[in-house]
């Protein structure tokens, strides 16, 4: 009984399955929902959201400052005058308006 010329199909089949599975898991690790490309997208989105958060925090601080300056405890007359002019379109008789 001479078996030297015939390869073992079981071994070949095993390596083919192992190779296919390794390709699948490699693809999933790179392209999948939790892969490297998705992680890069999430990091970029996180940076954009942090920038937006900083802008919103700045706007909130500005609004809080204006609100405090218009409150009953601390009334900024210059700010009140500015807001009344802007909202009501008022001008003093001795002023000249340039548009």
N, C-alpha and C. Protein backbone atom coordinates (compact mmCIF):
# COMPACT_ATOMS: atom_id res chain seq x y z
N UNK A 1 0.82 -1.17 0.00
CA UNK A 1 0.00 0.00 0.00
C UNK A 1 0.88 1.25 0.00
N UNK A 2 0.82 1.93 -1.07
CA UNK A 2 1.65 3.11 -1.26
C UNK A 2 0.75 4.34 -1.34
N UNK A 3 0.86 5.26 -0.36
CA UNK A 3 0.01 6.46 -0.30
C UNK A 3 0.83 7.74 -0.47
N UNK A 4 1.90 7.75 -1.09
CA UNK A 4 2.76 8.94 -1.20
C UNK A 4 2.27 9.91 -2.28
N UNK A 5 1.56 9.50 -3.27
CA UNK A 5 1.17 10.37 -4.37
C UNK A 5 -0.13 11.12 -4.11
N UNK A 6 -0.94 10.73 -3.18
CA UNK A 6 -2.25 11.31 -2.97
C UNK A 6 -2.25 12.23 -1.72
N UNK A 7 -2.62 13.56 -1.87
CA UNK A 7 -2.64 14.42 -0.70
C UNK A 7 -3.89 14.14 0.14
N UNK A 8 -3.80 14.48 1.38
CA UNK A 8 -4.92 14.25 2.29
C UNK A 8 -5.92 15.39 2.12
N UNK A 9 -7.13 15.06 1.70
CA UNK A 9 -8.15 16.09 1.48
C UNK A 9 -8.64 16.68 2.80
N UNK A 10 -8.58 15.96 3.87
CA UNK A 10 -8.99 16.47 5.17
C UNK A 10 -8.10 17.62 5.61
N UNK A 11 -6.80 17.48 5.45
CA UNK A 11 -5.85 18.53 5.81
C UNK A 11 -6.03 19.75 4.93
N UNK A 12 -6.19 19.52 3.62
CA UNK A 12 -6.40 20.61 2.68
C UNK A 12 -7.71 21.35 3.00
N UNK A 13 -8.74 20.60 3.30
CA UNK A 13 -10.03 21.17 3.66
C UNK A 13 -9.92 21.99 4.95
N UNK A 14 -9.21 21.48 5.93
CA UNK A 14 -9.02 22.19 7.19
C UNK A 14 -8.31 23.53 6.97
N UNK A 15 -7.24 23.55 6.19
CA UNK A 15 -6.51 24.79 5.95
C UNK A 15 -7.33 25.76 5.10
N UNK A 16 -8.12 25.26 4.19
CA UNK A 16 -8.98 26.15 3.39
C UNK A 16 -10.02 26.83 4.29
N UNK A 17 -10.63 26.09 5.19
CA UNK A 17 -11.61 26.66 6.13
C UNK A 17 -10.93 27.66 7.06
N UNK A 18 -9.77 27.30 7.57
CA UNK A 18 -9.04 28.19 8.47
C UNK A 18 -8.65 29.49 7.75
N UNK A 19 -8.23 29.38 6.51
CA UNK A 19 -7.86 30.56 5.72
C UNK A 19 -9.08 31.43 5.46
N UNK A 20 -10.21 30.82 5.11
CA UNK A 20 -11.44 31.58 4.86
C UNK A 20 -11.91 32.29 6.13
N UNK A 21 -11.85 31.61 7.26
CA UNK A 21 -12.25 32.24 8.52
C UNK A 21 -11.31 33.39 8.89
N UNK A 22 -10.03 33.21 8.68
CA UNK A 22 -9.09 34.28 9.00
C UNK A 22 -9.32 35.48 8.09
N UNK A 23 -9.63 35.27 6.82
CA UNK A 23 -9.97 36.38 5.93
C UNK A 23 -11.23 37.10 6.39
N UNK A 24 -12.23 36.33 6.78
CA UNK A 24 -13.48 36.91 7.25
C UNK A 24 -13.26 37.77 8.49
N UNK A 25 -12.56 37.24 9.47
CA UNK A 25 -12.34 37.99 10.71
C UNK A 25 -11.43 39.20 10.50
N UNK A 26 -10.48 39.09 9.58
CA UNK A 26 -9.64 40.24 9.26
C UNK A 26 -10.47 41.34 8.61
N UNK A 27 -11.33 40.95 7.67
CA UNK A 27 -12.21 41.92 7.02
C UNK A 27 -13.13 42.57 8.05
N UNK A 28 -13.70 41.78 8.95
CA UNK A 28 -14.60 42.31 9.97
C UNK A 28 -13.87 43.25 10.92
N UNK A 29 -12.62 42.94 11.23
CA UNK A 29 -11.85 43.79 12.14
C UNK A 29 -11.53 45.14 11.51
N UNK A 30 -11.45 45.18 10.19
CA UNK A 30 -11.12 46.43 9.52
C UNK A 30 -12.37 47.18 9.08
N UNK A 31 -13.31 46.48 8.44
CA UNK A 31 -14.46 47.12 7.82
C UNK A 31 -15.75 47.00 8.63
N UNK A 32 -15.80 46.20 9.63
CA UNK A 32 -17.05 45.92 10.34
C UNK A 32 -17.58 47.09 11.15
N UNK A 33 -18.71 46.87 11.82
CA UNK A 33 -19.34 47.91 12.64
C UNK A 33 -18.44 48.38 13.78
N UNK A 34 -17.59 47.52 14.26
CA UNK A 34 -16.68 47.87 15.35
C UNK A 34 -15.23 47.81 14.88
N UNK A 35 -15.00 47.98 13.58
CA UNK A 35 -13.68 47.87 12.99
C UNK A 35 -12.87 49.14 13.10
N UNK A 36 -11.70 49.09 12.50
CA UNK A 36 -10.77 50.22 12.58
C UNK A 36 -11.29 51.45 11.85
N UNK A 37 -11.92 51.26 10.69
CA UNK A 37 -12.44 52.41 9.95
C UNK A 37 -13.57 53.08 10.73
N UNK A 38 -14.43 52.30 11.34
CA UNK A 38 -15.53 52.86 12.14
C UNK A 38 -14.97 53.62 13.34
N UNK A 39 -13.91 53.10 13.94
CA UNK A 39 -13.28 53.78 15.08
C UNK A 39 -12.73 55.13 14.65
N UNK A 40 -12.13 55.20 13.47
CA UNK A 40 -11.61 56.46 12.95
C UNK A 40 -12.74 57.46 12.74
N UNK A 41 -13.87 56.98 12.21
CA UNK A 41 -15.02 57.84 12.02
C UNK A 41 -15.54 58.36 13.36
N UNK A 42 -15.58 57.51 14.35
CA UNK A 42 -16.07 57.90 15.67
C UNK A 42 -15.15 58.93 16.31
N UNK A 43 -13.85 58.77 16.16
CA UNK A 43 -12.89 59.73 16.72
C UNK A 43 -13.06 61.09 16.04
N UNK A 44 -13.22 61.10 14.72
CA UNK A 44 -13.41 62.36 13.99
C UNK A 44 -14.72 63.02 14.41
N UNK A 45 -15.77 62.24 14.53
CA UNK A 45 -17.06 62.78 14.96
C UNK A 45 -16.97 63.33 16.39
N UNK A 46 -16.22 62.65 17.24
CA UNK A 46 -16.04 63.11 18.61
C UNK A 46 -15.33 64.46 18.64
N UNK A 47 -14.33 64.63 17.80
CA UNK A 47 -13.62 65.91 17.75
C UNK A 47 -14.53 67.03 17.27
N UNK A 48 -15.36 66.74 16.26
CA UNK A 48 -16.31 67.74 15.77
C UNK A 48 -17.31 68.13 16.87
N UNK A 49 -17.78 67.14 17.59
CA UNK A 49 -18.75 67.41 18.66
C UNK A 49 -18.12 68.21 19.79
N UNK A 50 -16.85 67.96 20.07
CA UNK A 50 -16.16 68.74 21.11
C UNK A 50 -16.03 70.20 20.69
N UNK A 51 -15.75 70.44 19.38
CA UNK A 51 -15.68 71.81 18.89
C UNK A 51 -17.04 72.49 19.01
N UNK A 52 -18.09 71.77 18.65
CA UNK A 52 -19.44 72.33 18.77
C UNK A 52 -19.78 72.62 20.23
N UNK A 53 -19.38 71.72 21.12
CA UNK A 53 -19.63 71.94 22.55
C UNK A 53 -18.93 73.20 23.03
N UNK A 54 -17.70 73.41 22.61
CA UNK A 54 -16.97 74.61 23.00
C UNK A 54 -17.68 75.87 22.50
N UNK A 55 -18.17 75.83 21.26
CA UNK A 55 -18.89 76.98 20.71
C UNK A 55 -20.18 77.24 21.48
N UNK A 56 -20.89 76.18 21.80
CA UNK A 56 -22.15 76.34 22.53
C UNK A 56 -21.89 76.86 23.94
N UNK A 57 -20.85 76.35 24.60
CA UNK A 57 -20.51 76.84 25.94
C UNK A 57 -20.16 78.32 25.90
N UNK A 58 -19.46 78.76 24.85
CA UNK A 58 -19.13 80.18 24.71
C UNK A 58 -20.39 81.01 24.54
N UNK A 59 -21.31 80.52 23.70
CA UNK A 59 -22.57 81.24 23.50
C UNK A 59 -23.39 81.30 24.78
N UNK A 60 -23.41 80.21 25.53
CA UNK A 60 -24.15 80.19 26.80
C UNK A 60 -23.54 81.18 27.79
N UNK A 61 -22.22 81.22 27.85
CA UNK A 61 -21.56 82.16 28.76
C UNK A 61 -21.89 83.60 28.38
N UNK A 62 -21.93 83.89 27.08
CA UNK A 62 -22.29 85.23 26.63
C UNK A 62 -23.73 85.56 27.00
N UNK A 63 -24.63 84.63 26.78
CA UNK A 63 -26.04 84.85 27.14
C UNK A 63 -26.21 85.01 28.65
N UNK A 64 -25.49 84.23 29.43
CA UNK A 64 -25.58 84.37 30.89
C UNK A 64 -25.08 85.74 31.33
N UNK A 65 -24.01 86.21 30.68
CA UNK A 65 -23.47 87.53 31.01
C UNK A 65 -24.49 88.62 30.68
N UNK A 66 -25.10 88.52 29.48
CA UNK A 66 -26.10 89.52 29.11
C UNK A 66 -27.33 89.45 30.02
N UNK A 67 -27.74 88.26 30.37
CA UNK A 67 -28.89 88.10 31.26
C UNK A 67 -28.60 88.69 32.64
N UNK A 68 -27.40 88.43 33.14
CA UNK A 68 -27.03 88.98 34.45
C UNK A 68 -26.99 90.50 34.40
N UNK A 69 -26.48 91.04 33.30
CA UNK A 69 -26.39 92.50 33.17
C UNK A 69 -27.75 93.16 33.01
N UNK A 70 -28.76 92.41 32.61
CA UNK A 70 -30.11 92.97 32.46
C UNK A 70 -31.01 92.61 33.63
N UNK A 71 -30.48 91.95 34.65
CA UNK A 71 -31.30 91.51 35.78
C UNK A 71 -31.61 92.68 36.71
N UNK A 72 -32.51 92.43 37.66
CA UNK A 72 -32.90 93.45 38.63
C UNK A 72 -31.77 93.78 39.61
N UNK A 73 -30.93 92.79 39.89
CA UNK A 73 -29.84 93.01 40.86
C UNK A 73 -28.73 93.89 40.29
N UNK A 74 -28.50 93.77 38.99
CA UNK A 74 -27.39 94.49 38.37
C UNK A 74 -27.88 94.97 37.01
N UNK A 75 -28.18 96.23 36.88
CA UNK A 75 -28.71 96.76 35.63
C UNK A 75 -27.64 97.60 34.95
N UNK A 76 -27.23 97.17 33.78
CA UNK A 76 -26.26 97.89 32.98
C UNK A 76 -27.03 98.84 32.06
N UNK A 77 -26.96 100.13 32.35
CA UNK A 77 -27.74 101.11 31.60
C UNK A 77 -27.30 101.21 30.14
N UNK A 78 -26.03 101.06 29.90
CA UNK A 78 -25.55 101.09 28.51
C UNK A 78 -26.11 99.93 27.70
N UNK A 79 -26.14 98.74 28.31
CA UNK A 79 -26.70 97.58 27.63
C UNK A 79 -28.20 97.76 27.42
N UNK A 80 -28.88 98.29 28.41
CA UNK A 80 -30.32 98.55 28.28
C UNK A 80 -30.59 99.53 27.14
N UNK A 81 -29.80 100.58 27.07
CA UNK A 81 -29.93 101.57 26.01
C UNK A 81 -29.68 100.93 24.64
N UNK A 82 -28.65 100.13 24.56
CA UNK A 82 -28.31 99.46 23.29
C UNK A 82 -29.43 98.53 22.84
N UNK A 83 -29.94 97.72 23.76
CA UNK A 83 -31.01 96.77 23.41
C UNK A 83 -32.30 97.50 23.03
N UNK A 84 -32.64 98.57 23.74
CA UNK A 84 -33.85 99.33 23.41
C UNK A 84 -33.72 99.95 22.02
N UNK A 85 -32.57 100.49 21.70
CA UNK A 85 -32.35 101.06 20.37
C UNK A 85 -32.46 99.99 19.29
N UNK A 86 -31.88 98.82 19.54
CA UNK A 86 -31.89 97.77 18.52
C UNK A 86 -33.29 97.19 18.34
N UNK A 87 -33.97 96.88 19.42
CA UNK A 87 -35.28 96.24 19.34
C UNK A 87 -36.34 97.22 18.87
N UNK A 88 -36.35 98.42 19.45
CA UNK A 88 -37.41 99.39 19.15
C UNK A 88 -37.05 100.33 18.01
N UNK A 89 -35.80 100.33 17.61
CA UNK A 89 -35.39 101.22 16.53
C UNK A 89 -35.40 102.68 16.93
N UNK A 90 -35.08 102.95 18.18
CA UNK A 90 -35.15 104.31 18.69
C UNK A 90 -33.82 105.03 18.47
N UNK A 91 -33.92 106.37 18.27
CA UNK A 91 -32.75 107.21 18.08
C UNK A 91 -33.00 108.50 18.86
N UNK A 92 -31.96 109.04 19.45
CA UNK A 92 -32.07 110.32 20.13
C UNK A 92 -32.20 111.44 19.11
N UNK A 93 -32.84 112.54 19.49
CA UNK A 93 -33.02 113.64 18.52
C UNK A 93 -31.70 114.27 18.07
N UNK A 94 -30.65 114.18 18.89
CA UNK A 94 -29.40 114.82 18.53
C UNK A 94 -28.42 113.87 17.81
N UNK A 95 -28.87 112.69 17.42
CA UNK A 95 -28.00 111.71 16.76
C UNK A 95 -28.27 111.66 15.26
N UNK A 96 -27.24 111.27 14.53
CA UNK A 96 -27.36 111.08 13.08
C UNK A 96 -27.17 109.58 12.81
N UNK A 97 -28.09 108.99 12.06
CA UNK A 97 -28.03 107.56 11.75
C UNK A 97 -27.41 107.38 10.38
N UNK A 98 -26.39 106.55 10.32
CA UNK A 98 -25.73 106.23 9.04
C UNK A 98 -25.93 104.76 8.76
N UNK A 99 -26.46 104.45 7.60
CA UNK A 99 -26.71 103.04 7.23
C UNK A 99 -25.91 102.65 6.04
